[in-house]
PDB file of N, CA and C in Angstrom:
ATOM      1  N   UNK A   1     218.683 161.465 301.346  1.00  0.00           N
ATOM      2  CA  UNK A   1     219.092 160.621 300.297  1.00  0.00           C
ATOM      3  C   UNK A   1     218.351 159.394 300.080  1.00  0.00           C
ATOM      4  N   UNK A   2     217.670 159.236 298.847  1.00  0.00           N
ATOM      5  CA  UNK A   2     216.750 157.968 298.834  1.00  0.00           C
ATOM      6  C   UNK A   2     217.478 156.791 298.056  1.00  0.00           C
ATOM      7  N   UNK A   3     217.292 155.841 298.458  1.00  0.00           N
ATOM      8  CA  UNK A   3     218.185 154.660 298.082  1.00  0.00           C
ATOM      9  C   UNK A   3     217.267 153.663 297.638  1.00  0.00           C
ATOM     10  N   UNK A   4     217.458 153.320 296.142  1.00  0.00           N
ATOM     11  CA  UNK A   4     216.441 152.209 295.655  1.00  0.00           C
ATOM     12  C   UNK A   4     217.582 151.145 295.367  1.00  0.00           C
ATOM     13  N   UNK A   5     217.108 149.796 295.663  1.00  0.00           N
ATOM     14  CA  UNK A   5     217.982 148.539 295.609  1.00  0.00           C
ATOM     15  C   UNK A   5     217.290 147.632 294.435  1.00  0.00           C
ATOM     16  N   UNK A   6     217.971 147.139 293.526  1.00  0.00           N
ATOM     17  CA  UNK A   6     217.614 146.244 292.416  1.00  0.00           C
ATOM     18  C   UNK A   6     218.461 145.005 292.538  1.00  0.00           C
ATOM     19  N   UNK A   7     217.904 143.914 292.410  1.00  0.00           N
ATOM     20  CA  UNK A   7     218.606 142.421 292.696  1.00  0.00           C
ATOM     21  C   UNK A   7     218.085 141.749 291.431  1.00  0.00           C
ATOM     22  N   UNK A   8     219.057 140.800 290.801  1.00  0.00           N
ATOM     23  CA  UNK A   8     218.786 139.944 290.125  1.00  0.00           C
ATOM     24  C   UNK A   8     219.605 138.787 290.268  1.00  0.00           C
ATOM     25  N   UNK A   9     219.030 137.469 290.235  1.00  0.00           N
ATOM     26  CA  UNK A   9     219.452 136.214 290.247  1.00  0.00           C
ATOM     27  C   UNK A   9     220.255 135.977 291.520  1.00  0.00           C
ATOM     28  N   UNK A  10     219.720 136.483 292.750  1.00  0.00           N
ATOM     29  CA  UNK A  10     220.471 136.354 294.011  1.00  0.00           C
ATOM     30  C   UNK A  10     219.718 135.325 294.683  1.00  0.00           C
ATOM     31  N   UNK A  11     220.504 134.315 295.480  1.00  0.00           N
ATOM     32  CA  UNK A  11     219.919 133.597 296.428  1.00  0.00           C
ATOM     33  C   UNK A  11     219.650 134.160 297.718  1.00  0.00           C
ATOM     34  N   UNK A  12     218.832 133.600 298.440  1.00  0.00           N
ATOM     35  CA  UNK A  12     218.344 134.298 300.027  1.00  0.00           C
ATOM     36  C   UNK A  12     219.645 134.574 300.634  1.00  0.00           C
ATOM     37  N   UNK A  13     220.615 133.754 300.746  1.00  0.00           N
ATOM     38  CA  UNK A  13     221.833 134.002 301.604  1.00  0.00           C
ATOM     39  C   UNK A  13     222.575 135.170 301.097  1.00  0.00           C
ATOM     40  N   UNK A  14     222.789 135.229 299.732  1.00  0.00           N
ATOM     41  CA  UNK A  14     223.484 136.284 298.900  1.00  0.00           C
ATOM     42  C   UNK A  14     223.176 137.568 299.274  1.00  0.00           C
ATOM     43  N   UNK A  15     221.602 137.583 299.184  1.00  0.00           N
ATOM     44  CA  UNK A  15     220.879 138.771 299.391  1.00  0.00           C
ATOM     45  C   UNK A  15     221.135 139.382 300.786  1.00  0.00           C
ATOM     46  N   UNK A  16     221.069 138.707 301.769  1.00  0.00           N
ATOM     47  CA  UNK A  16     221.243 138.855 303.065  1.00  0.00           C
ATOM     48  C   UNK A  16     222.573 139.608 303.207  1.00  0.00           C
ATOM     49  N   UNK A  17     223.780 139.068 302.571  1.00  0.00           N
ATOM     50  CA  UNK A  17     225.139 139.198 302.666  1.00  0.00           C
ATOM     51  C   UNK A  17     225.127 140.770 302.001  1.00  0.00           C
ATOM     52  N   UNK A  18     224.435 140.847 300.781  1.00  0.00           N
ATOM     53  CA  UNK A  18     224.431 142.051 300.114  1.00  0.00           C
ATOM     54  C   UNK A  18     223.919 143.259 300.887  1.00  0.00           C
ATOM     55  N   UNK A  19     222.759 143.029 301.449  1.00  0.00           N
ATOM     56  CA  UNK A  19     222.041 144.038 302.167  1.00  0.00           C
ATOM     57  C   UNK A  19     222.698 144.480 303.605  1.00  0.00           C
ATOM     58  N   UNK A  20     223.145 143.556 304.052  1.00  0.00           N
ATOM     59  CA  UNK A  20     224.060 143.812 305.408  1.00  0.00           C
ATOM     60  C   UNK A  20     225.340 144.530 305.133  1.00  0.00           C
ATOM     61  N   UNK A  21     226.121 144.189 304.242  1.00  0.00           N
ATOM     62  CA  UNK A  21     227.155 144.859 303.882  1.00  0.00           C
ATOM     63  C   UNK A  21     227.145 146.250 303.246  1.00  0.00           C
ATOM     64  N   UNK A  22     226.002 146.136 302.531  1.00  0.00           N
ATOM     65  CA  UNK A  22     225.699 147.588 301.864  1.00  0.00           C
ATOM     66  C   UNK A  22     225.213 148.645 302.895  1.00  0.00           C
ATOM     67  N   UNK A  23     224.600 148.003 304.070  1.00  0.00           N
ATOM     68  CA  UNK A  23     224.331 149.114 305.030  1.00  0.00           C
ATOM     69  C   UNK A  23     225.355 149.472 305.828  1.00  0.00           C
ATOM     70  N   UNK A  24     226.599 148.782 305.813  1.00  0.00           N
ATOM     71  CA  UNK A  24     227.660 149.263 306.572  1.00  0.00           C
ATOM     72  C   UNK A  24     228.451 150.637 305.503  1.00  0.00           C
ATOM     73  N   UNK A  25     228.495 150.322 304.186  1.00  0.00           N
ATOM     74  CA  UNK A  25     228.976 151.154 303.249  1.00  0.00           C
ATOM     75  C   UNK A  25     228.230 152.462 302.766  1.00  0.00           C
ATOM     76  N   UNK A  26     227.078 152.585 302.593  1.00  0.00           N
ATOM     77  CA  UNK A  26     226.374 153.569 302.245  1.00  0.00           C
ATOM     78  C   UNK A  26     226.647 154.782 303.266  1.00  0.00           C
ATOM     79  N   UNK A  27     226.867 154.634 304.571  1.00  0.00           N
ATOM     80  CA  UNK A  27     227.025 155.940 305.224  1.00  0.00           C
ATOM     81  C   UNK A  27     228.288 156.883 304.808  1.00  0.00           C
ATOM     82  N   UNK A  28     229.211 156.190 304.293  1.00  0.00           N
ATOM     83  CA  UNK A  28     230.451 156.907 303.733  1.00  0.00           C
ATOM     84  C   UNK A  28     229.698 157.840 302.682  1.00  0.00           C
ATOM     85  N   UNK A  29     228.927 157.386 301.661  1.00  0.00           N
ATOM     86  CA  UNK A  29     228.304 158.245 300.670  1.00  0.00           C
ATOM     87  C   UNK A  29     227.451 159.347 301.302  1.00  0.00           C
ATOM     88  N   UNK A  30     226.542 158.866 302.236  1.00  0.00           N
ATOM     89  CA  UNK A  30     225.801 159.926 302.853  1.00  0.00           C
ATOM     90  C   UNK A  30     226.664 161.028 303.406  1.00  0.00           C
ATOM     91  N   UNK A  31     227.699 160.777 304.008  1.00  0.00           N
ATOM     92  CA  UNK A  31     228.498 161.932 304.832  1.00  0.00           C
ATOM     93  C   UNK A  31     229.161 162.788 303.679  1.00  0.00           C
ATOM     94  N   UNK A  32     229.235 162.364 302.453  1.00  0.00           N
ATOM     95  CA  UNK A  32     229.785 163.392 301.490  1.00  0.00           C
ATOM     96  C   UNK A  32     228.693 164.288 301.089  1.00  0.00           C
ATOM     97  N   UNK A  33     227.280 163.976 301.111  1.00  0.00           N
ATOM     98  CA  UNK A  33     226.192 164.569 300.507  1.00  0.00           C
ATOM     99  C   UNK A  33     225.506 165.207 301.677  1.00  0.00           C
ATOM    100  N   UNK A  34     225.898 165.456 302.819  1.00  0.00           N
ATOM    101  CA  UNK A  34     225.283 166.238 304.035  1.00  0.00           C
ATOM    102  C   UNK A  34     224.605 167.595 303.527  1.00  0.00           C
ATOM    103  N   UNK A  35     225.359 168.303 302.803  1.00  0.00           N
ATOM    104  CA  UNK A  35     224.905 169.543 302.374  1.00  0.00           C
ATOM    105  C   UNK A  35     223.870 169.662 301.263  1.00  0.00           C
ATOM    106  N   UNK A  36     223.329 168.700 300.734  1.00  0.00           N
ATOM    107  CA  UNK A  36     222.638 168.643 299.610  1.00  0.00           C
ATOM    108  C   UNK A  36     221.150 168.185 300.218  1.00  0.00           C
ATOM    109  N   UNK A  37     220.082 168.684 299.670  1.00  0.00           N
ATOM    110  CA  UNK A  37     218.954 168.325 300.356  1.00  0.00           C
ATOM    111  C   UNK A  37     218.509 166.875 300.154  1.00  0.00           C
ATOM    112  N   UNK A  38     217.856 166.246 300.932  1.00  0.00           N
ATOM    113  CA  UNK A  38     217.492 164.736 300.927  1.00  0.00           C
ATOM    114  C   UNK A  38     216.714 164.386 299.657  1.00  0.00           C
ATOM    115  N   UNK A  39     215.675 165.317 299.232  1.00  0.00           N
ATOM    116  CA  UNK A  39     214.951 164.966 298.219  1.00  0.00           C
ATOM    117  C   UNK A  39     215.774 165.459 296.750  1.00  0.00           C
ATOM    118  N   UNK A  40     217.120 165.818 296.790  1.00  0.00           N
ATOM    119  CA  UNK A  40     217.607 166.081 295.591  1.00  0.00           C
ATOM    120  C   UNK A  40     218.669 165.186 295.164  1.00  0.00           C
ATOM    121  N   UNK A  41     218.767 164.065 296.004  1.00  0.00           N
ATOM    122  CA  UNK A  41     219.783 162.965 295.646  1.00  0.00           C
ATOM    123  C   UNK A  41     219.116 161.635 295.823  1.00  0.00           C
ATOM    124  N   UNK A  42     219.296 160.855 294.535  1.00  0.00           N
ATOM    125  CA  UNK A  42     218.830 159.488 294.524  1.00  0.00           C
ATOM    126  C   UNK A  42     220.140 158.715 294.109  1.00  0.00           C
ATOM    127  N   UNK A  43     220.009 157.546 294.920  1.00  0.00           N
ATOM    128  CA  UNK A  43     221.079 156.503 294.630  1.00  0.00           C
ATOM    129  C   UNK A  43     220.512 155.289 294.325  1.00  0.00           C
ATOM    130  N   UNK A  44     220.817 154.717 292.935  1.00  0.00           N
ATOM    131  CA  UNK A  44     220.253 153.392 292.618  1.00  0.00           C
ATOM    132  C   UNK A  44     221.286 152.326 292.787  1.00  0.00           C
ATOM    133  N   UNK A  45     221.137 151.353 293.268  1.00  0.00           N
ATOM    134  CA  UNK A  45     222.123 150.245 293.575  1.00  0.00           C
ATOM    135  C   UNK A  45     221.729 149.133 292.869  1.00  0.00           C
ATOM    136  N   UNK A  46     222.157 148.408 292.050  1.00  0.00           N
ATOM    137  CA  UNK A  46     221.835 147.215 291.253  1.00  0.00           C
ATOM    138  C   UNK A  46     223.100 146.307 291.448  1.00  0.00           C
ATOM    139  N   UNK A  47     222.572 144.881 291.741  1.00  0.00           N
ATOM    140  CA  UNK A  47     223.519 143.928 291.651  1.00  0.00           C
ATOM    141  C   UNK A  47     222.759 142.719 291.126  1.00  0.00           C
ATOM    142  N   UNK A  48     223.840 142.320 290.023  1.00  0.00           N
ATOM    143  CA  UNK A  48     223.440 140.910 289.321  1.00  0.00           C
ATOM    144  C   UNK A  48     224.250 139.777 289.473  1.00  0.00           C
ATOM    145  N   UNK A  49     223.843 138.565 289.619  1.00  0.00           N
ATOM    146  CA  UNK A  49     224.664 137.490 289.515  1.00  0.00           C
ATOM    147  C   UNK A  49     224.721 136.898 288.379  1.00  0.00           C
ATOM    148  N   UNK A  50     226.007 136.457 287.895  1.00  0.00           N
ATOM    149  CA  UNK A  50     226.226 135.743 286.607  1.00  0.00           C
ATOM    150  C   UNK A  50     226.635 134.205 287.206  1.00  0.00           C
ATOM    151  N   UNK A  51     225.567 133.398 286.691  1.00  0.00           N
ATOM    152  CA  UNK A  51     225.842 131.930 287.107  1.00  0.00           C
ATOM    153  C   UNK A  51     226.670 131.384 286.338  1.00  0.00           C
ATOM    154  N   UNK A  52     226.894 131.769 284.889  1.00  0.00           N
ATOM    155  CA  UNK A  52     227.978 131.062 284.086  1.00  0.00           C
ATOM    156  C   UNK A  52     229.303 131.400 284.568  1.00  0.00           C
ATOM    157  N   UNK A  53     229.705 132.705 284.980  1.00  0.00           N
ATOM    158  CA  UNK A  53     230.864 133.080 285.515  1.00  0.00           C
ATOM    159  C   UNK A  53     231.195 132.899 286.918  1.00  0.00           C
ATOM    160  N   UNK A  54     230.129 132.685 287.851  1.00  0.00           N
ATOM    161  CA  UNK A  54     230.211 132.812 288.968  1.00  0.00           C
ATOM    162  C   UNK A  54     230.705 134.147 289.727  1.00  0.00           C
ATOM    163  N   UNK A  55     230.204 135.071 289.130  1.00  0.00           N
ATOM    164  CA  UNK A  55     230.438 136.473 289.332  1.00  0.00           C
ATOM    165  C   UNK A  55     229.372 137.433 289.790  1.00  0.00           C
ATOM    166  N   UNK A  56     229.587 138.477 290.483  1.00  0.00           N
ATOM    167  CA  UNK A  56     228.640 139.478 290.571  1.00  0.00           C
ATOM    168  C   UNK A  56     229.173 140.969 290.095  1.00  0.00           C
ATOM    169  N   UNK A  57     228.172 141.446 289.603  1.00  0.00           N
ATOM    170  CA  UNK A  57     228.218 142.844 289.162  1.00  0.00           C
ATOM    171  C   UNK A  57     227.380 143.831 289.911  1.00  0.00           C
ATOM    172  N   UNK A  58     228.232 144.810 290.486  1.00  0.00           N
ATOM    173  CA  UNK A  58     227.354 145.746 291.230  1.00  0.00           C
ATOM    174  C   UNK A  58     227.515 147.201 290.445  1.00  0.00           C
ATOM    175  N   UNK A  59     226.264 147.854 290.313  1.00  0.00           N
ATOM    176  CA  UNK A  59     226.409 149.177 289.773  1.00  0.00           C
ATOM    177  C   UNK A  59     225.740 150.051 290.834  1.00  0.00           C
ATOM    178  N   UNK A  60     226.371 151.346 291.052  1.00  0.00           N
ATOM    179  CA  UNK A  60     225.928 152.340 291.780  1.00  0.00           C
ATOM    180  C   UNK A  60     225.566 153.582 290.894  1.00  0.00           C
ATOM    181  N   UNK A  61     224.368 154.037 290.773  1.00  0.00           N
ATOM    182  CA  UNK A  61     224.119 155.180 289.808  1.00  0.00           C
ATOM    183  C   UNK A  61     223.428 156.224 290.842  1.00  0.00           C
ATOM    184  N   UNK A  62     224.116 157.423 290.785  1.00  0.00           N
ATOM    185  CA  UNK A  62     223.445 158.437 291.791  1.00  0.00           C
ATOM    186  C   UNK A  62     223.205 159.705 291.029  1.00  0.00           C
ATOM    187  N   UNK A  63     222.263 160.344 291.261  1.00  0.00           N
ATOM    188  CA  UNK A  63     221.567 161.680 290.527  1.00  0.00           C
ATOM    189  C   UNK A  63     221.799 162.609 291.868  1.00  0.00           C
ATOM    190  N   UNK A  64     222.582 163.736 291.472  1.00  0.00           N
ATOM    191  CA  UNK A  64     222.657 164.760 292.282  1.00  0.00           C
ATOM    192  C   UNK A  64     222.250 166.156 291.691  1.00  0.00           C
ATOM    193  N   UNK A  65     221.009 166.454 291.862  1.00  0.00           N
ATOM    194  CA  UNK A  65     220.303 167.758 291.031  1.00  0.00           C
ATOM    195  C   UNK A  65     220.563 167.659 289.718  1.00  0.00           C
ATOM    196  N   UNK A  66     220.382 166.527 288.919  1.00  0.00           N
ATOM    197  CA  UNK A  66     220.370 166.348 287.488  1.00  0.00           C
ATOM    198  C   UNK A  66     221.525 166.067 286.925  1.00  0.00           C
ATOM    199  N   UNK A  67     222.694 166.005 287.891  1.00  0.00           N
ATOM    200  CA  UNK A  67     223.966 165.255 287.479  1.00  0.00           C
ATOM    201  C   UNK A  67     224.051 163.880 287.822  1.00  0.00           C
ATOM    202  N   UNK A  68     224.291 162.850 286.780  1.00  0.00           N
ATOM    203  CA  UNK A  68     224.464 161.666 287.008  1.00  0.00           C
ATOM    204  C   UNK A  68     225.673 161.012 287.092  1.00  0.00           C
ATOM    205  N   UNK A  69     226.177 160.197 287.859  1.00  0.00           N
ATOM    206  CA  UNK A  69     227.271 159.654 288.036  1.00  0.00           C
ATOM    207  C   UNK A  69     226.983 158.063 288.303  1.00  0.00           C
ATOM    208  N   UNK A  70     227.845 157.107 287.323  1.00  0.00           N
ATOM    209  CA  UNK A  70     227.747 155.709 287.489  1.00  0.00           C
ATOM    210  C   UNK A  70     228.999 155.235 287.683  1.00  0.00           C
ATOM    211  N   UNK A  71     228.914 153.968 288.529  1.00  0.00           N
ATOM    212  CA  UNK A  71     230.166 153.272 288.947  1.00  0.00           C
ATOM    213  C   UNK A  71     229.859 151.774 288.881  1.00  0.00           C
ATOM    214  N   UNK A  72     230.580 151.048 288.120  1.00  0.00           N
ATOM    215  CA  UNK A  72     230.107 149.627 288.167  1.00  0.00           C
ATOM    216  C   UNK A  72     231.281 148.767 288.197  1.00  0.00           C
ATOM    217  N   UNK A  73     231.292 147.596 288.905  1.00  0.00           N
ATOM    218  CA  UNK A  73     232.566 146.798 289.052  1.00  0.00           C
ATOM    219  C   UNK A  73     231.692 145.415 289.220  1.00  0.00           C
ATOM    220  N   UNK A  74     232.665 144.441 288.556  1.00  0.00           N
ATOM    221  CA  UNK A  74     232.244 143.037 288.786  1.00  0.00           C
ATOM    222  C   UNK A  74     233.436 142.194 289.548  1.00  0.00           C
ATOM    223  N   UNK A  75     233.135 141.221 290.398  1.00  0.00           N
ATOM    224  CA  UNK A  75     233.903 140.524 290.959  1.00  0.00           C
ATOM    225  C   UNK A  75     233.248 139.156 291.502  1.00  0.00           C
ATOM    226  N   UNK A  76     233.947 138.106 292.032  1.00  0.00           N
ATOM    227  CA  UNK A  76     233.604 136.884 292.291  1.00  0.00           C
ATOM    228  C   UNK A  76     233.034 136.986 293.713  1.00  0.00           C
ATOM    229  N   UNK A  77     233.251 138.082 294.522  1.00  0.00           N
ATOM    230  CA  UNK A  77     232.835 138.299 295.791  1.00  0.00           C
ATOM    231  C   UNK A  77     232.060 139.568 296.103  1.00  0.00           C
ATOM    232  N   UNK A  78     230.938 139.400 296.641  1.00  0.00           N
ATOM    233  CA  UNK A  78     229.760 140.404 296.804  1.00  0.00           C
ATOM    234  C   UNK A  78     230.539 141.617 297.488  1.00  0.00           C
ATOM    235  N   UNK A  79     231.251 141.354 298.604  1.00  0.00           N
ATOM    236  CA  UNK A  79     231.883 142.552 299.287  1.00  0.00           C
ATOM    237  C   UNK A  79     233.023 143.130 298.492  1.00  0.00           C
ATOM    238  N   UNK A  80     233.735 142.503 297.719  1.00  0.00           N
ATOM    239  CA  UNK A  80     234.864 143.208 296.958  1.00  0.00           C
ATOM    240  C   UNK A  80     234.192 144.064 295.880  1.00  0.00           C
ATOM    241  N   UNK A  81     233.009 143.602 295.229  1.00  0.00           N
ATOM    242  CA  UNK A  81     232.262 144.427 294.168  1.00  0.00           C
ATOM    243  C   UNK A  81     231.812 145.621 294.737  1.00  0.00           C
ATOM    244  N   UNK A  82     231.188 145.527 295.908  1.00  0.00           N
ATOM    245  CA  UNK A  82     230.634 146.673 296.633  1.00  0.00           C
ATOM    246  C   UNK A  82     231.640 147.611 296.971  1.00  0.00           C
ATOM    247  N   UNK A  83     232.897 147.162 297.479  1.00  0.00           N
ATOM    248  CA  UNK A  83     233.906 148.199 297.881  1.00  0.00           C
ATOM    249  C   UNK A  83     234.602 148.857 296.822  1.00  0.00           C
ATOM    250  N   UNK A  84     234.674 148.144 295.729  1.00  0.00           N
ATOM    251  CA  UNK A  84     235.375 148.882 294.508  1.00  0.00           C
ATOM    252  C   UNK A  84     234.266 149.788 293.881  1.00  0.00           C
ATOM    253  N   UNK A  85     233.018 149.498 293.846  1.00  0.00           N
ATOM    254  CA  UNK A  85     232.188 150.582 293.280  1.00  0.00           C
ATOM    255  C   UNK A  85     231.875 151.592 294.030  1.00  0.00           C
ATOM    256  N   UNK A  86     231.893 151.281 295.275  1.00  0.00           N
ATOM    257  CA  UNK A  86     231.706 152.546 296.304  1.00  0.00           C
ATOM    258  C   UNK A  86     232.863 153.487 296.130  1.00  0.00           C
ATOM    259  N   UNK A  87     234.100 152.879 296.010  1.00  0.00           N
ATOM    260  CA  UNK A  87     235.201 153.783 296.083  1.00  0.00           C
ATOM    261  C   UNK A  87     235.186 154.747 294.659  1.00  0.00           C
ATOM    262  N   UNK A  88     234.853 154.075 293.704  1.00  0.00           N
ATOM    263  CA  UNK A  88     234.551 154.650 292.462  1.00  0.00           C
ATOM    264  C   UNK A  88     233.726 155.751 292.495  1.00  0.00           C
ATOM    265  N   UNK A  89     232.531 155.545 293.047  1.00  0.00           N
ATOM    266  CA  UNK A  89     231.531 156.536 293.177  1.00  0.00           C
ATOM    267  C   UNK A  89     231.845 157.711 293.961  1.00  0.00           C
ATOM    268  N   UNK A  90     232.750 157.318 295.208  1.00  0.00           N
ATOM    269  CA  UNK A  90     232.998 158.381 296.100  1.00  0.00           C
ATOM    270  C   UNK A  90     234.228 159.216 295.340  1.00  0.00           C
ATOM    271  N   UNK A  91     234.834 158.701 294.608  1.00  0.00           N
ATOM    272  CA  UNK A  91     235.859 159.606 293.926  1.00  0.00           C
ATOM    273  C   UNK A  91     235.089 160.536 292.843  1.00  0.00           C
ATOM    274  N   UNK A  92     234.277 160.131 292.053  1.00  0.00           N
ATOM    275  CA  UNK A  92     233.473 160.953 291.336  1.00  0.00           C
ATOM    276  C   UNK A  92     232.604 162.020 291.906  1.00  0.00           C
ATOM    277  N   UNK A  93     232.028 161.736 293.055  1.00  0.00           N
ATOM    278  CA  UNK A  93     231.185 162.601 293.853  1.00  0.00           C
ATOM    279  C   UNK A  93     232.284 163.451 294.385  1.00  0.00           C
ATOM    280  N   UNK A  94     233.382 163.421 294.811  1.00  0.00           N
ATOM    281  CA  UNK A  94     234.232 164.278 295.287  1.00  0.00           C
ATOM    282  C   UNK A  94     234.731 165.340 294.062  1.00  0.00           C
ATOM    283  N   UNK A  95     234.902 164.762 293.056  1.00  0.00           N
ATOM    284  CA  UNK A  95     235.290 165.626 291.680  1.00  0.00           C
ATOM    285  C   UNK A  95     234.286 166.567 291.447  1.00  0.00           C
ATOM    286  N   UNK A  96     232.974 165.846 291.481  1.00  0.00           N
ATOM    287  CA  UNK A  96     231.636 166.772 291.320  1.00  0.00           C
ATOM    288  C   UNK A  96     231.846 167.936 292.454  1.00  0.00           C
ATOM    289  N   UNK A  97     231.919 167.742 293.592  1.00  0.00           N
ATOM    290  CA  UNK A  97     231.683 168.781 294.616  1.00  0.00           C
ATOM    291  C   UNK A  97     232.874 169.691 294.358  1.00  0.00           C
ATOM    292  N   UNK A  98     234.138 169.494 294.004  1.00  0.00           N
ATOM    293  CA  UNK A  98     235.063 170.334 293.994  1.00  0.00           C
ATOM    294  C   UNK A  98     234.832 171.015 292.625  1.00  0.00           C
ATOM    295  N   UNK A  99     234.139 170.718 291.729  1.00  0.00           N
ATOM    296  CA  UNK A  99     234.061 171.445 290.365  1.00  0.00           C
ATOM    297  C   UNK A  99     232.889 172.365 290.720  1.00  0.00           C
ATOM    298  N   UNK A 100     231.903 171.957 291.476  1.00  0.00           N
ATOM    299  CA  UNK A 100     230.697 172.952 292.046  1.00  0.00           C
ATOM    300  C   UNK A 100     231.482 174.221 292.691  1.00  0.00           C
ATOM    301  N   UNK A 101     232.292 173.807 293.601  1.00  0.00           N
ATOM    302  CA  UNK A 101     232.993 174.987 294.538  1.00  0.00           C
ATOM    303  C   UNK A 101     233.652 175.610 293.668  1.00  0.00           C
ATOM    304  N   UNK A 102     234.322 175.559 292.637  1.00  0.00           N
ATOM    305  CA  UNK A 102     235.322 176.021 291.904  1.00  0.00           C
ATOM    306  C   UNK A 102     236.752 175.970 292.457  1.00  0.00           C
ATOM    307  N   UNK A 103     236.937 174.824 292.909  1.00  0.00           N
ATOM    308  CA  UNK A 103     238.230 174.660 293.693  1.00  0.00           C
ATOM    309  C   UNK A 103     239.300 174.594 292.674  1.00  0.00           C
ATOM    310  N   UNK A 104     240.268 175.264 292.896  1.00  0.00           N
ATOM    311  CA  UNK A 104     241.388 175.587 291.956  1.00  0.00           C
ATOM    312  C   UNK A 104     242.373 174.397 291.943  1.00  0.00           C
ATOM    313  N   UNK A 105     242.306 173.610 292.995  1.00  0.00           N
ATOM    314  CA  UNK A 105     243.333 172.600 292.956  1.00  0.00           C
ATOM    315  C   UNK A 105     242.974 171.501 292.211  1.00  0.00           C
ATOM    316  N   UNK A 106     241.511 171.392 291.847  1.00  0.00           N
ATOM    317  CA  UNK A 106     241.263 170.316 290.761  1.00  0.00           C
ATOM    318  C   UNK A 106     241.861 170.288 289.384  1.00  0.00           C
ATOM    319  N   UNK A 107     242.381 169.236 288.900  1.00  0.00           N
ATOM    320  CA  UNK A 107     243.205 169.282 287.483  1.00  0.00           C
ATOM    321  C   UNK A 107     242.565 169.810 286.585  1.00  0.00           C
ATOM    322  N   UNK A 108     241.150 169.285 286.350  1.00  0.00           N
ATOM    323  CA  UNK A 108     240.392 169.948 285.306  1.00  0.00           C
ATOM    324  C   UNK A 108     240.413 171.497 285.241  1.00  0.00           C
ATOM    325  N   UNK A 109     240.169 172.045 286.532  1.00  0.00           N
ATOM    326  CA  UNK A 109     239.774 173.294 286.436  1.00  0.00           C
ATOM    327  C   UNK A 109     241.382 174.148 286.315  1.00  0.00           C
ATOM    328  N   UNK A 110     242.383 173.523 287.052  1.00  0.00           N
ATOM    329  CA  UNK A 110     243.728 173.805 286.832  1.00  0.00           C
ATOM    330  C   UNK A 110     244.335 174.208 285.252  1.00  0.00           C
ATOM    331  N   UNK A 111     243.636 173.236 284.614  1.00  0.00           N
ATOM    332  CA  UNK A 111     244.064 173.285 283.016  1.00  0.00           C
ATOM    333  C   UNK A 111     243.363 174.434 282.375  1.00  0.00           C
ATOM    334  N   UNK A 112     242.199 174.493 282.560  1.00  0.00           N
ATOM    335  CA  UNK A 112     241.358 175.504 282.117  1.00  0.00           C
ATOM    336  C   UNK A 112     241.956 177.163 282.514  1.00  0.00           C
ATOM    337  N   UNK A 113     242.125 177.129 283.894  1.00  0.00           N
ATOM    338  CA  UNK A 113     242.788 178.417 284.076  1.00  0.00           C
ATOM    339  C   UNK A 113     244.091 178.757 283.493  1.00  0.00           C
ATOM    340  N   UNK A 114     244.898 177.758 283.674  1.00  0.00           N
ATOM    341  CA  UNK A 114     246.191 177.925 282.810  1.00  0.00           C
ATOM    342  C   UNK A 114     245.995 178.393 281.299  1.00  0.00           C
ATOM    343  N   UNK A 115     245.090 177.635 280.507  1.00  0.00           N
ATOM    344  CA  UNK A 115     244.815 178.023 279.137  1.00  0.00           C
ATOM    345  C   UNK A 115     244.420 179.354 279.088  1.00  0.00           C
ATOM    346  N   UNK A 116     243.694 179.721 280.079  1.00  0.00           N
ATOM    347  CA  UNK A 116     242.839 181.202 279.991  1.00  0.00           C
ATOM    348  C   UNK A 116     244.099 182.222 280.336  1.00  0.00           C
ATOM    349  N   UNK A 117     245.039 181.868 281.305  1.00  0.00           N
ATOM    350  CA  UNK A 117     246.146 182.940 281.646  1.00  0.00           C
ATOM    351  C   UNK A 117     246.756 183.108 280.281  1.00  0.00           C
ATOM    352  N   UNK A 118     247.270 181.987 279.637  1.00  0.00           N
ATOM    353  CA  UNK A 118     247.979 182.032 278.413  1.00  0.00           C
ATOM    354  C   UNK A 118     247.481 182.951 277.398  1.00  0.00           C
ATOM    355  N   UNK A 119     246.158 182.764 277.125  1.00  0.00           N
ATOM    356  CA  UNK A 119     245.308 183.571 276.080  1.00  0.00           C
ATOM    357  C   UNK A 119     245.369 184.807 276.540  1.00  0.00           C
ATOM    358  N   UNK A 120     245.254 185.269 278.036  1.00  0.00           N
ATOM    359  CA  UNK A 120     245.242 186.597 278.200  1.00  0.00           C
ATOM    360  C   UNK A 120     246.581 187.180 278.098  1.00  0.00           C
ATOM    361  N   UNK A 121     247.654 186.608 278.417  1.00  0.00           N
ATOM    362  CA  UNK A 121     248.982 187.064 278.242  1.00  0.00           C
ATOM    363  C   UNK A 121     249.338 187.274 276.895  1.00  0.00           C
ATOM    364  N   UNK A 122     248.791 186.417 276.016  1.00  0.00           N
ATOM    365  CA  UNK A 122     249.091 186.477 274.705  1.00  0.00           C
ATOM    366  C   UNK A 122     248.338 187.724 274.212  1.00  0.00           C
ATOM    367  N   UNK A 123     247.138 188.070 274.635  1.00  0.00           N
ATOM    368  CA  UNK A 123     246.268 189.095 273.911  1.00  0.00           C
ATOM    369  C   UNK A 123     246.928 190.461 274.503  1.00  0.00           C
ATOM    370  N   UNK A 124     247.517 190.482 275.830  1.00  0.00           N
ATOM    371  CA  UNK A 124     248.149 191.712 276.206  1.00  0.00           C
ATOM    372  C   UNK A 124     249.492 192.070 275.745  1.00  0.00           C
ATOM    373  N   UNK A 125     250.138 190.876 275.163  1.00  0.00           N
ATOM    374  CA  UNK A 125     251.410 191.332 274.350  1.00  0.00           C
ATOM    375  C   UNK A 125     251.139 191.679 273.104  1.00  0.00           C
ATOM    376  N   UNK A 126     249.910 191.340 272.339  1.00  0.00           N
ATOM    377  CA  UNK A 126     249.426 191.817 271.061  1.00  0.00           C
ATOM    378  C   UNK A 126     249.342 193.214 270.974  1.00  0.00           C
ATOM    379  N   UNK A 127     248.732 193.766 271.987  1.00  0.00           N
ATOM    380  CA  UNK A 127     248.560 195.219 272.160  1.00  0.00           C
ATOM    381  C   UNK A 127     249.479 196.178 272.313  1.00  0.00           C
TER     382      UNK A 127
END
């Protein structure tokens, strides 16, 4: 997995905190993507500090084989923004992996199968 990091308006101390905390949190994402080839996954991480509101906005954008997923959160603490964004992205990745597998336990697939079953039963009763 390739990781690109973009920073905007960060002080040197904030940059150190961001990079240090990020290095602790990215292994959770890497563990989910072990079965994908390394050159098939790109993670873009962006952080921006807003001086007016004294807040940080963190965005994770991951591209897995042409499928893009984006998670974005804002907070007054760098660590909280990273945690919230990472959690959102992980849930999107899990959903994507379940859909690729055809996992019937996933809500969106279960609804589709139920609708197909109803249509099939209606068709059988019509004959």
